[in-house]
């Protein structure tokens, strides 16, 4: 069973993703509401996959992505954000994101992407 860290400042979005993931056989080992917490939780649990929002308080998802990848190039991070502007997508991909999912997301699309990782 693949393990996942869910990162989003929206409690509702974290709950939605957790329910979707659990329903499809993934184990959600932790969640975080900002990038700083995401970095801490990543190195505490070393999940197989991270779903990461971009716009969050304290530290953005892009900053957290960069910090995690700087210490673990094997980290598998999927950005899940409503920030669909090209410069955000480009920044995320250049920084090491595996994929970029645009909110609101489609369950089938999310599972297809996560199952590829």
Protein backbone atom coordinates (compact mmCIF):
# COMPACT_ATOMS: atom_id res chain seq x y z
CA UNK A 1 0.00 0.00 0.00
CA UNK A 2 1.44 3.37 -1.02
CA UNK A 3 1.71 6.02 1.68
CA UNK A 4 0.75 9.65 1.14
CA UNK A 5 1.27 13.00 2.85
CA UNK A 6 -1.59 15.41 2.04
CA UNK A 7 -0.66 19.11 2.17
CA UNK A 8 -3.24 21.88 1.78
CA UNK A 9 -4.23 24.87 3.88
CA UNK A 10 -7.92 24.03 3.33
CA UNK A 11 -9.23 21.50 5.85
CA UNK A 12 -12.01 20.63 3.41
CA UNK A 13 -9.54 19.90 0.60
CA UNK A 14 -7.36 17.76 2.88
CA UNK A 15 -10.44 15.78 3.92
CA UNK A 16 -11.55 15.37 0.31
CA UNK A 17 -8.15 14.11 -0.79
CA UNK A 18 -7.80 11.81 2.22
CA UNK A 19 -11.21 10.23 1.55
CA UNK A 20 -10.41 9.78 -2.14
CA UNK A 21 -7.02 8.24 -1.41
CA UNK A 22 -8.25 5.88 1.30
CA UNK A 23 -11.14 4.77 -0.88
CA UNK A 24 -8.61 3.82 -3.56
CA UNK A 25 -6.26 1.84 -1.33
CA UNK A 26 -3.69 4.46 -0.30
CA UNK A 27 -2.61 5.03 3.29
CA UNK A 28 -2.60 8.67 4.35
CA UNK A 29 0.19 8.76 6.93
CA UNK A 30 0.06 12.49 7.68
CA UNK A 31 -1.33 15.85 6.65
CA UNK A 32 -0.06 19.40 6.81
CA UNK A 33 -1.65 22.83 6.45
CA UNK A 34 1.41 24.74 5.26
CA UNK A 35 4.74 24.19 3.58
CA UNK A 36 6.79 24.32 6.75
CA UNK A 37 4.71 21.54 8.31
CA UNK A 38 4.93 19.62 5.03
CA UNK A 39 8.72 19.53 5.18
CA UNK A 40 8.65 18.35 8.81
CA UNK A 41 6.05 15.66 8.14
CA UNK A 42 7.80 14.48 4.99
CA UNK A 43 11.05 13.74 6.79
CA UNK A 44 9.21 12.25 9.76
CA UNK A 45 7.13 9.78 7.69
CA UNK A 46 8.98 9.52 4.33
CA UNK A 47 5.76 8.86 2.38
CA UNK A 48 5.78 7.39 -1.12
CA UNK A 49 3.84 10.38 -2.49
CA UNK A 50 3.09 13.95 -1.41
CA UNK A 51 0.11 15.94 -2.69
CA UNK A 52 1.01 19.60 -2.29
CA UNK A 53 -0.99 22.82 -2.66
CA UNK A 54 0.89 25.91 -3.82
CA UNK A 55 -0.68 28.88 -2.06
CA UNK A 56 -0.40 28.36 1.70
CA UNK A 57 0.55 30.44 4.74
CA UNK A 58 4.00 30.31 6.40
CA UNK A 59 5.70 28.61 3.42
CA UNK A 60 4.38 28.03 -0.10
CA UNK A 61 4.13 24.64 -1.71
CA UNK A 62 6.85 25.57 -4.22
CA UNK A 63 9.25 26.47 -1.38
CA UNK A 64 8.43 23.22 0.44
CA UNK A 65 8.86 21.24 -2.78
CA UNK A 66 12.31 22.74 -3.29
CA UNK A 67 13.40 22.05 0.31
CA UNK A 68 12.22 18.45 0.18
CA UNK A 69 13.80 17.78 -3.22
CA UNK A 70 17.09 19.39 -2.10
CA UNK A 71 17.39 16.74 0.60
CA UNK A 72 15.65 13.84 -1.15
CA UNK A 73 15.79 13.86 -4.95
CA UNK A 74 13.69 10.68 -4.98
CA UNK A 75 10.69 12.42 -3.36
CA UNK A 76 7.51 12.07 -5.44
CA UNK A 77 5.53 15.28 -5.15
CA UNK A 78 2.32 16.03 -7.04
CA UNK A 79 1.13 19.62 -6.99
CA UNK A 80 -2.65 19.96 -6.51
CA UNK A 81 -3.61 23.60 -6.88
CA UNK A 82 -6.18 26.03 -8.19
CA UNK A 83 -3.24 28.19 -9.33
CA UNK A 84 -3.34 27.02 -12.94
CA UNK A 85 -1.37 29.90 -14.41
CA UNK A 86 1.46 28.77 -16.65
CA UNK A 87 4.19 30.34 -14.52
CA UNK A 88 3.07 28.34 -11.43
CA UNK A 89 2.98 25.10 -13.39
CA UNK A 90 6.40 25.82 -14.91
CA UNK A 91 7.90 26.72 -11.49
CA UNK A 92 6.53 23.53 -9.96
CA UNK A 93 7.80 21.30 -12.74
CA UNK A 94 11.24 22.94 -12.84
CA UNK A 95 11.43 22.55 -9.05
CA UNK A 96 10.88 18.80 -9.32
CA UNK A 97 7.14 18.12 -9.17
CA UNK A 98 6.08 14.86 -10.82
CA UNK A 99 2.71 16.18 -11.99
CA UNK A 100 0.42 19.18 -11.62
CA UNK A 101 -3.29 18.62 -10.91
CA UNK A 102 -5.64 21.58 -11.22
CA UNK A 103 -8.45 22.08 -8.67
CA UNK A 104 -11.25 21.34 -8.72
CA UNK A 105 -9.94 17.91 -9.58
CA UNK A 106 -11.57 14.86 -11.10
CA UNK A 107 -11.24 11.68 -9.02
CA UNK A 108 -10.40 9.56 -12.05
CA UNK A 109 -7.63 11.92 -13.16
CA UNK A 110 -6.09 12.08 -9.67
CA UNK A 111 -6.05 8.29 -9.34
CA UNK A 112 -4.65 7.79 -12.83
CA UNK A 113 -1.76 10.14 -12.03
CA UNK A 114 -1.03 8.71 -8.57
CA UNK A 115 -1.16 5.15 -9.87
CA UNK A 116 1.57 6.03 -12.41
CA UNK A 117 3.98 6.99 -9.65
